[in-house]
């Protein structure tokens, strides 16, 4: 009887592990790269850390950059276009 219960518990655990792996495998890489709103990200211009939820987001060359202000975003856009 204990063997059956142990096997059932192992099968349930295996099921949830496989299901989680398949969900992560099926997600596009862009969704995995998006940080949570409370994650602190460094501004590439002035090196200040800002929460991703309040940051100014700008896509440059297919990559998202996070800025503390519009001035930093404009400065980065000017520098990257050179």
PDB file of N, CA and C in Angstrom:
ATOM      1  N   UNK A   1       0.821  -1.192   0.000  1.00  0.00           N
ATOM      2  CA  UNK A   1       0.000   0.000   0.000  1.00  0.00           C
ATOM      3  C   UNK A   1       0.870   1.262   0.000  1.00  0.00           C
ATOM      4  N   UNK A   2       1.950   1.241   0.821  1.00  0.00           N
ATOM      5  CA  UNK A   2       2.828   2.405   0.882  1.00  0.00           C
ATOM      6  C   UNK A   2       3.572   2.624  -0.430  1.00  0.00           C
ATOM      7  N   UNK A   3       3.859   1.557  -1.112  1.00  0.00           N
ATOM      8  CA  UNK A   3       4.538   1.677  -2.401  1.00  0.00           C
ATOM      9  C   UNK A   3       3.648   2.395  -3.408  1.00  0.00           C
ATOM     10  N   UNK A   4       2.376   2.083  -3.404  1.00  0.00           N
ATOM     11  CA  UNK A   4       1.438   2.728  -4.339  1.00  0.00           C
ATOM     12  C   UNK A   4       1.318   4.209  -4.033  1.00  0.00           C
ATOM     13  N   UNK A   5       1.212   4.559  -2.761  1.00  0.00           N
ATOM     14  CA  UNK A   5       1.111   5.968  -2.365  1.00  0.00           C
ATOM     15  C   UNK A   5       2.389   6.714  -2.736  1.00  0.00           C
ATOM     16  N   UNK A   6       3.528   6.117  -2.501  1.00  0.00           N
ATOM     17  CA  UNK A   6       4.807   6.736  -2.855  1.00  0.00           C
ATOM     18  C   UNK A   6       4.917   6.939  -4.357  1.00  0.00           C
ATOM     19  N   UNK A   7       4.522   5.969  -5.119  1.00  0.00           N
ATOM     20  CA  UNK A   7       4.573   6.078  -6.585  1.00  0.00           C
ATOM     21  C   UNK A   7       3.621   7.169  -7.062  1.00  0.00           C
ATOM     22  N   UNK A   8       2.434   7.262  -6.494  1.00  0.00           N
ATOM     23  CA  UNK A   8       1.488   8.313  -6.882  1.00  0.00           C
ATOM     24  C   UNK A   8       2.026   9.701  -6.555  1.00  0.00           C
ATOM     25  N   UNK A   9       2.634   9.848  -5.388  1.00  0.00           N
ATOM     26  CA  UNK A   9       3.212  11.142  -5.021  1.00  0.00           C
ATOM     27  C   UNK A   9       4.339  11.513  -5.977  1.00  0.00           C
ATOM     28  N   UNK A  10       5.188  10.572  -6.309  1.00  0.00           N
ATOM     29  CA  UNK A  10       6.278  10.830  -7.258  1.00  0.00           C
ATOM     30  C   UNK A  10       5.753  11.185  -8.640  1.00  0.00           C
ATOM     31  N   UNK A  11       4.694  10.533  -9.065  1.00  0.00           N
ATOM     32  CA  UNK A  11       4.090  10.855 -10.372  1.00  0.00           C
ATOM     33  C   UNK A  11       3.500  12.262 -10.381  1.00  0.00           C
ATOM     34  N   UNK A  12       2.873  12.667  -9.301  1.00  0.00           N
ATOM     35  CA  UNK A  12       2.312  14.026  -9.215  1.00  0.00           C
ATOM     36  C   UNK A  12       3.432  15.062  -9.257  1.00  0.00           C
ATOM     37  N   UNK A  13       4.497  14.821  -8.504  1.00  0.00           N
ATOM     38  CA  UNK A  13       5.635  15.747  -8.513  1.00  0.00           C
ATOM     39  C   UNK A  13       6.256  15.810  -9.901  1.00  0.00           C
ATOM     40  N   UNK A  14       6.430  14.684 -10.525  1.00  0.00           N
ATOM     41  CA  UNK A  14       6.981  14.642 -11.880  1.00  0.00           C
ATOM     42  C   UNK A  14       6.095  15.394 -12.866  1.00  0.00           C
ATOM     43  N   UNK A  15       4.782  15.226 -12.737  1.00  0.00           N
ATOM     44  CA  UNK A  15       3.849  15.917 -13.611  1.00  0.00           C
ATOM     45  C   UNK A  15       4.024  17.431 -13.507  1.00  0.00           C
ATOM     46  N   UNK A  16       4.084  17.965 -12.272  1.00  0.00           N
ATOM     47  CA  UNK A  16       4.223  19.408 -12.094  1.00  0.00           C
ATOM     48  C   UNK A  16       5.583  19.919 -12.567  1.00  0.00           C
ATOM     49  N   UNK A  17       6.614  19.127 -12.411  1.00  0.00           N
ATOM     50  CA  UNK A  17       7.931  19.535 -12.899  1.00  0.00           C
ATOM     51  C   UNK A  17       7.961  19.597 -14.425  1.00  0.00           C
ATOM     52  N   UNK A  18       7.384  18.609 -15.076  1.00  0.00           N
ATOM     53  CA  UNK A  18       7.341  18.595 -16.542  1.00  0.00           C
ATOM     54  C   UNK A  18       6.472  19.724 -17.054  1.00  0.00           C
ATOM     55  N   UNK A  19       5.341  19.953 -16.400  1.00  0.00           N
ATOM     56  CA  UNK A  19       4.448  21.036 -16.826  1.00  0.00           C
ATOM     57  C   UNK A  19       5.141  22.391 -16.726  1.00  0.00           C
ATOM     58  N   UNK A  20       5.862  22.629 -15.646  1.00  0.00           N
ATOM     59  CA  UNK A  20       6.571  23.893 -15.486  1.00  0.00           C
ATOM     60  C   UNK A  20       7.670  24.055 -16.532  1.00  0.00           C
ATOM     61  N   UNK A  21       8.405  22.992 -16.792  1.00  0.00           N
ATOM     62  CA  UNK A  21       9.469  23.047 -17.796  1.00  0.00           C
ATOM     63  C   UNK A  21       8.902  23.337 -19.179  1.00  0.00           C
ATOM     64  N   UNK A  22       7.771  22.743 -19.505  1.00  0.00           N
ATOM     65  CA  UNK A  22       7.157  22.989 -20.816  1.00  0.00           C
ATOM     66  C   UNK A  22       6.646  24.415 -20.934  1.00  0.00           C
ATOM     67  N   UNK A  23       6.128  24.961 -19.869  1.00  0.00           N
ATOM     68  CA  UNK A  23       5.659  26.352 -19.907  1.00  0.00           C
ATOM     69  C   UNK A  23       6.814  27.313 -20.136  1.00  0.00           C
ATOM     70  N   UNK A  24       7.922  27.105 -19.435  1.00  0.00           N
ATOM     71  CA  UNK A  24       9.079  27.970 -19.615  1.00  0.00           C
ATOM     72  C   UNK A  24       9.699  27.796 -20.993  1.00  0.00           C
ATOM     73  N   UNK A  25       9.714  26.587 -21.491  1.00  0.00           N
ATOM     74  CA  UNK A  25      10.276  26.314 -22.801  1.00  0.00           C
ATOM     75  C   UNK A  25       9.434  26.949 -23.899  1.00  0.00           C
ATOM     76  N   UNK A  26       8.128  27.017 -23.718  1.00  0.00           N
ATOM     77  CA  UNK A  26       7.235  27.546 -24.735  1.00  0.00           C
ATOM     78  C   UNK A  26       7.155  29.057 -24.775  1.00  0.00           C
ATOM     79  N   UNK A  27       7.685  29.753 -23.769  1.00  0.00           N
ATOM     80  CA  UNK A  27       7.622  31.202 -23.739  1.00  0.00           C
ATOM     81  C   UNK A  27       8.646  31.803 -24.686  1.00  0.00           C
ATOM     82  N   UNK A  28       8.244  32.873 -25.376  1.00  0.00           N
ATOM     83  CA  UNK A  28       9.233  33.574 -26.199  1.00  0.00           C
ATOM     84  C   UNK A  28      10.305  34.196 -25.307  1.00  0.00           C
ATOM     85  N   UNK A  29      11.500  34.335 -25.825  1.00  0.00           N
ATOM     86  CA  UNK A  29      12.603  34.874 -25.032  1.00  0.00           C
ATOM     87  C   UNK A  29      12.347  36.309 -24.616  1.00  0.00           C
ATOM     88  N   UNK A  30      11.619  37.085 -25.402  1.00  0.00           N
ATOM     89  CA  UNK A  30      11.355  38.475 -25.046  1.00  0.00           C
ATOM     90  C   UNK A  30      10.532  38.572 -23.773  1.00  0.00           C
ATOM     91  N   UNK A  31       9.606  37.630 -23.540  1.00  0.00           N
ATOM     92  CA  UNK A  31       8.824  37.654 -22.321  1.00  0.00           C
ATOM     93  C   UNK A  31       9.681  37.318 -21.105  1.00  0.00           C
ATOM     94  N   UNK A  32      10.666  36.464 -21.279  1.00  0.00           N
ATOM     95  CA  UNK A  32      11.537  36.107 -20.165  1.00  0.00           C
ATOM     96  C   UNK A  32      12.440  37.269 -19.784  1.00  0.00           C
ATOM     97  N   UNK A  33      12.763  38.143 -20.732  1.00  0.00           N
ATOM     98  CA  UNK A  33      13.704  39.214 -20.475  1.00  0.00           C
ATOM     99  C   UNK A  33      13.074  40.429 -19.814  1.00  0.00           C
ATOM    100  N   UNK A  34      11.766  40.489 -19.739  1.00  0.00           N
ATOM    101  CA  UNK A  34      11.107  41.650 -19.151  1.00  0.00           C
ATOM    102  C   UNK A  34      11.193  41.554 -17.634  1.00  0.00           C
ATOM    103  N   UNK A  35      11.822  42.549 -16.995  1.00  0.00           N
ATOM    104  CA  UNK A  35      11.945  42.489 -15.540  1.00  0.00           C
ATOM    105  C   UNK A  35      10.630  42.856 -14.856  1.00  0.00           C
ATOM    106  N   UNK A  36      10.485  42.459 -13.614  1.00  0.00           N
ATOM    107  CA  UNK A  36       9.320  42.822 -12.826  1.00  0.00           C
ATOM    108  C   UNK A  36       9.336  44.309 -12.521  1.00  0.00           C
ATOM    109  N   UNK A  37       8.182  44.853 -12.130  1.00  0.00           N
ATOM    110  CA  UNK A  37       8.088  46.300 -11.921  1.00  0.00           C
ATOM    111  C   UNK A  37       8.890  46.781 -10.723  1.00  0.00           C
ATOM    112  N   UNK A  38       9.221  45.889  -9.792  1.00  0.00           N
ATOM    113  CA  UNK A  38       9.981  46.284  -8.611  1.00  0.00           C
ATOM    114  C   UNK A  38      11.482  46.041  -8.742  1.00  0.00           C
ATOM    115  N   UNK A  39      11.907  45.516  -9.868  1.00  0.00           N
ATOM    116  CA  UNK A  39      13.335  45.227 -10.085  1.00  0.00           C
ATOM    117  C   UNK A  39      14.063  46.539 -10.368  1.00  0.00           C
ATOM    118  N   UNK A  40      15.192  46.722  -9.718  1.00  0.00           N
ATOM    119  CA  UNK A  40      15.983  47.928  -9.926  1.00  0.00           C
ATOM    120  C   UNK A  40      16.924  47.710 -11.103  1.00  0.00           C
ATOM    121  N   UNK A  41      16.898  48.663 -12.040  1.00  0.00           N
ATOM    122  CA  UNK A  41      17.711  48.577 -13.252  1.00  0.00           C
ATOM    123  C   UNK A  41      18.553  49.846 -13.346  1.00  0.00           C
ATOM    124  N   UNK A  42      19.798  49.680 -13.786  1.00  0.00           N
ATOM    125  CA  UNK A  42      20.695  50.829 -13.875  1.00  0.00           C
ATOM    126  C   UNK A  42      20.495  51.577 -15.184  1.00  0.00           C
ATOM    127  N   UNK A  43      20.338  52.887 -15.074  1.00  0.00           N
ATOM    128  CA  UNK A  43      20.232  53.775 -16.229  1.00  0.00           C
ATOM    129  C   UNK A  43      21.595  53.767 -16.931  1.00  0.00           C
ATOM    130  N   UNK A  44      21.649  53.508 -18.259  1.00  0.00           N
ATOM    131  CA  UNK A  44      22.944  53.426 -18.951  1.00  0.00           C
ATOM    132  C   UNK A  44      23.642  54.779 -19.114  1.00  0.00           C
ATOM    133  N   UNK A  45      22.923  55.878 -18.902  1.00  0.00           N
ATOM    134  CA  UNK A  45      23.518  57.202 -19.106  1.00  0.00           C
ATOM    135  C   UNK A  45      24.114  57.735 -17.806  1.00  0.00           C
ATOM    136  N   UNK A  46      23.268  57.897 -16.787  1.00  0.00           N
ATOM    137  CA  UNK A  46      23.740  58.521 -15.541  1.00  0.00           C
ATOM    138  C   UNK A  46      24.047  57.509 -14.443  1.00  0.00           C
ATOM    139  N   UNK A  47      23.875  56.212 -14.726  1.00  0.00           N
ATOM    140  CA  UNK A  47      24.222  55.119 -13.808  1.00  0.00           C
ATOM    141  C   UNK A  47      23.403  55.103 -12.517  1.00  0.00           C
ATOM    142  N   UNK A  48      22.240  55.744 -12.517  1.00  0.00           N
ATOM    143  CA  UNK A  48      21.340  55.734 -11.363  1.00  0.00           C
ATOM    144  C   UNK A  48      20.445  54.505 -11.470  1.00  0.00           C
ATOM    145  N   UNK A  49      20.137  53.884 -10.335  1.00  0.00           N
ATOM    146  CA  UNK A  49      19.226  52.735 -10.338  1.00  0.00           C
ATOM    147  C   UNK A  49      17.794  53.236 -10.226  1.00  0.00           C
ATOM    148  N   UNK A  50      16.927  52.668 -11.058  1.00  0.00           N
ATOM    149  CA  UNK A  50      15.520  53.068 -11.090  1.00  0.00           C
ATOM    150  C   UNK A  50      14.666  51.807 -11.156  1.00  0.00           C
ATOM    151  N   UNK A  51      13.489  51.850 -10.522  1.00  0.00           N
ATOM    152  CA  UNK A  51      12.574  50.709 -10.568  1.00  0.00           C
ATOM    153  C   UNK A  51      12.043  50.551 -11.984  1.00  0.00           C
ATOM    154  N   UNK A  52      11.983  49.335 -12.468  1.00  0.00           N
ATOM    155  CA  UNK A  52      11.547  49.088 -13.849  1.00  0.00           C
ATOM    156  C   UNK A  52      10.111  49.558 -14.077  1.00  0.00           C
ATOM    157  N   UNK A  53       9.283  49.541 -13.052  1.00  0.00           N
ATOM    158  CA  UNK A  53       7.897  49.971 -13.191  1.00  0.00           C
ATOM    159  C   UNK A  53       7.736  51.466 -13.390  1.00  0.00           C
ATOM    160  N   UNK A  54       8.710  52.262 -12.922  1.00  0.00           N
ATOM    161  CA  UNK A  54       8.615  53.716 -13.049  1.00  0.00           C
ATOM    162  C   UNK A  54       9.588  54.275 -14.080  1.00  0.00           C
ATOM    163  N   UNK A  55      10.386  53.430 -14.690  1.00  0.00           N
ATOM    164  CA  UNK A  55      11.417  53.875 -15.635  1.00  0.00           C
ATOM    165  C   UNK A  55      10.811  54.243 -16.985  1.00  0.00           C
ATOM    166  N   UNK A  56      11.541  55.085 -17.702  1.00  0.00           N
ATOM    167  CA  UNK A  56      11.223  55.418 -19.085  1.00  0.00           C
ATOM    168  C   UNK A  56      11.840  54.309 -19.934  1.00  0.00           C
ATOM    169  N   UNK A  57      11.018  53.613 -20.718  1.00  0.00           N
ATOM    170  CA  UNK A  57      11.495  52.488 -21.528  1.00  0.00           C
ATOM    171  C   UNK A  57      11.614  52.934 -22.974  1.00  0.00           C
ATOM    172  N   UNK A  58      12.765  52.631 -23.559  1.00  0.00           N
ATOM    173  CA  UNK A  58      12.989  52.977 -24.961  1.00  0.00           C
ATOM    174  C   UNK A  58      13.651  51.782 -25.644  1.00  0.00           C
ATOM    175  N   UNK A  59      13.131  51.408 -26.810  1.00  0.00           N
ATOM    176  CA  UNK A  59      13.701  50.286 -27.549  1.00  0.00           C
ATOM    177  C   UNK A  59      14.685  50.819 -28.578  1.00  0.00           C
ATOM    178  N   UNK A  60      15.902  50.326 -28.506  1.00  0.00           N
ATOM    179  CA  UNK A  60      16.954  50.731 -29.444  1.00  0.00           C
ATOM    180  C   UNK A  60      17.603  49.463 -29.974  1.00  0.00           C
ATOM    181  N   UNK A  61      17.531  49.263 -31.256  1.00  0.00           N
ATOM    182  CA  UNK A  61      18.147  48.094 -31.881  1.00  0.00           C
ATOM    183  C   UNK A  61      17.549  46.776 -31.416  1.00  0.00           C
ATOM    184  N   UNK A  62      16.259  46.755 -31.103  1.00  0.00           N
ATOM    185  CA  UNK A  62      15.596  45.531 -30.681  1.00  0.00           C
ATOM    186  C   UNK A  62      15.785  45.198 -29.212  1.00  0.00           C
ATOM    187  N   UNK A  63      16.436  46.075 -28.461  1.00  0.00           N
ATOM    188  CA  UNK A  63      16.668  45.841 -27.030  1.00  0.00           C
ATOM    189  C   UNK A  63      16.049  46.982 -26.230  1.00  0.00           C
ATOM    190  N   UNK A  64      15.406  46.631 -25.116  1.00  0.00           N
ATOM    191  CA  UNK A  64      14.804  47.642 -24.257  1.00  0.00           C
ATOM    192  C   UNK A  64      15.842  48.227 -23.309  1.00  0.00           C
ATOM    193  N   UNK A  65      15.847  49.562 -23.204  1.00  0.00           N
ATOM    194  CA  UNK A  65      16.703  50.266 -22.264  1.00  0.00           C
ATOM    195  C   UNK A  65      15.803  51.043 -21.312  1.00  0.00           C
ATOM    196  N   UNK A  66      16.232  51.145 -20.062  1.00  0.00           N
ATOM    197  CA  UNK A  66      15.431  51.781 -19.023  1.00  0.00           C
ATOM    198  C   UNK A  66      16.173  53.015 -18.520  1.00  0.00           C
ATOM    199  N   UNK A  67      15.443  54.143 -18.434  1.00  0.00           N
ATOM    200  CA  UNK A  67      16.051  55.418 -18.065  1.00  0.00           C
ATOM    201  C   UNK A  67      15.309  56.038 -16.894  1.00  0.00           C
ATOM    202  N   UNK A  68      16.036  56.890 -16.152  1.00  0.00           N
ATOM    203  CA  UNK A  68      15.435  57.553 -15.000  1.00  0.00           C
ATOM    204  C   UNK A  68      14.635  58.782 -15.424  1.00  0.00           C
ATOM    205  N   UNK A  69      14.952  59.350 -16.586  1.00  0.00           N
ATOM    206  CA  UNK A  69      14.254  60.560 -17.038  1.00  0.00           C
ATOM    207  C   UNK A  69      14.233  60.634 -18.563  1.00  0.00           C
ATOM    208  N   UNK A  70      13.413  61.531 -19.061  1.00  0.00           N
ATOM    209  CA  UNK A  70      13.347  61.759 -20.513  1.00  0.00           C
ATOM    210  C   UNK A  70      14.664  62.330 -21.037  1.00  0.00           C
ATOM    211  N   UNK A  71      15.345  63.146 -20.231  1.00  0.00           N
ATOM    212  CA  UNK A  71      16.627  63.721 -20.653  1.00  0.00           C
ATOM    213  C   UNK A  71      17.664  62.629 -20.913  1.00  0.00           C
ATOM    214  N   UNK A  72      17.724  61.652 -20.012  1.00  0.00           N
ATOM    215  CA  UNK A  72      18.672  60.550 -20.208  1.00  0.00           C
ATOM    216  C   UNK A  72      18.306  59.734 -21.447  1.00  0.00           C
ATOM    217  N   UNK A  73      17.020  59.533 -21.678  1.00  0.00           N
ATOM    218  CA  UNK A  73      16.582  58.779 -22.849  1.00  0.00           C
ATOM    219  C   UNK A  73      16.951  59.516 -24.136  1.00  0.00           C
ATOM    220  N   UNK A  74      16.756  60.832 -24.166  1.00  0.00           N
ATOM    221  CA  UNK A  74      17.121  61.623 -25.352  1.00  0.00           C
ATOM    222  C   UNK A  74      18.637  61.617 -25.574  1.00  0.00           C
ATOM    223  N   UNK A  75      19.390  61.759 -24.483  1.00  0.00           N
ATOM    224  CA  UNK A  75      20.858  61.737 -24.585  1.00  0.00           C
ATOM    225  C   UNK A  75      21.331  60.395 -25.145  1.00  0.00           C
ATOM    226  N   UNK A  76      20.759  59.311 -24.657  1.00  0.00           N
ATOM    227  CA  UNK A  76      21.133  57.974 -25.135  1.00  0.00           C
ATOM    228  C   UNK A  76      20.776  57.810 -26.609  1.00  0.00           C
ATOM    229  N   UNK A  77      19.607  58.306 -27.009  1.00  0.00           N
ATOM    230  CA  UNK A  77      19.194  58.199 -28.410  1.00  0.00           C
ATOM    231  C   UNK A  77      20.145  58.981 -29.315  1.00  0.00           C
ATOM    232  N   UNK A  78      20.567  60.157 -28.865  1.00  0.00           N
ATOM    233  CA  UNK A  78      21.528  60.962 -29.650  1.00  0.00           C
ATOM    234  C   UNK A  78      22.864  60.232 -29.779  1.00  0.00           C
ATOM    235  N   UNK A  79      23.359  59.685 -28.679  1.00  0.00           N
ATOM    236  CA  UNK A  79      24.659  59.014 -28.679  1.00  0.00           C
ATOM    237  C   UNK A  79      24.634  57.723 -29.484  1.00  0.00           C
ATOM    238  N   UNK A  80      23.521  56.990 -29.418  1.00  0.00           N
ATOM    239  CA  UNK A  80      23.464  55.715 -30.139  1.00  0.00           C
ATOM    240  C   UNK A  80      23.251  55.905 -31.640  1.00  0.00           C
ATOM    241  N   UNK A  81      22.767  57.070 -32.051  1.00  0.00           N
ATOM    242  CA  UNK A  81      22.549  57.313 -33.483  1.00  0.00           C
ATOM    243  C   UNK A  81      23.836  57.756 -34.180  1.00  0.00           C
ATOM    244  N   UNK A  82      24.868  58.024 -33.434  1.00  0.00           N
ATOM    245  CA  UNK A  82      26.143  58.470 -34.043  1.00  0.00           C
ATOM    246  C   UNK A  82      26.905  57.326 -34.609  1.00  0.00           C
TER     247      UNK A  82
END
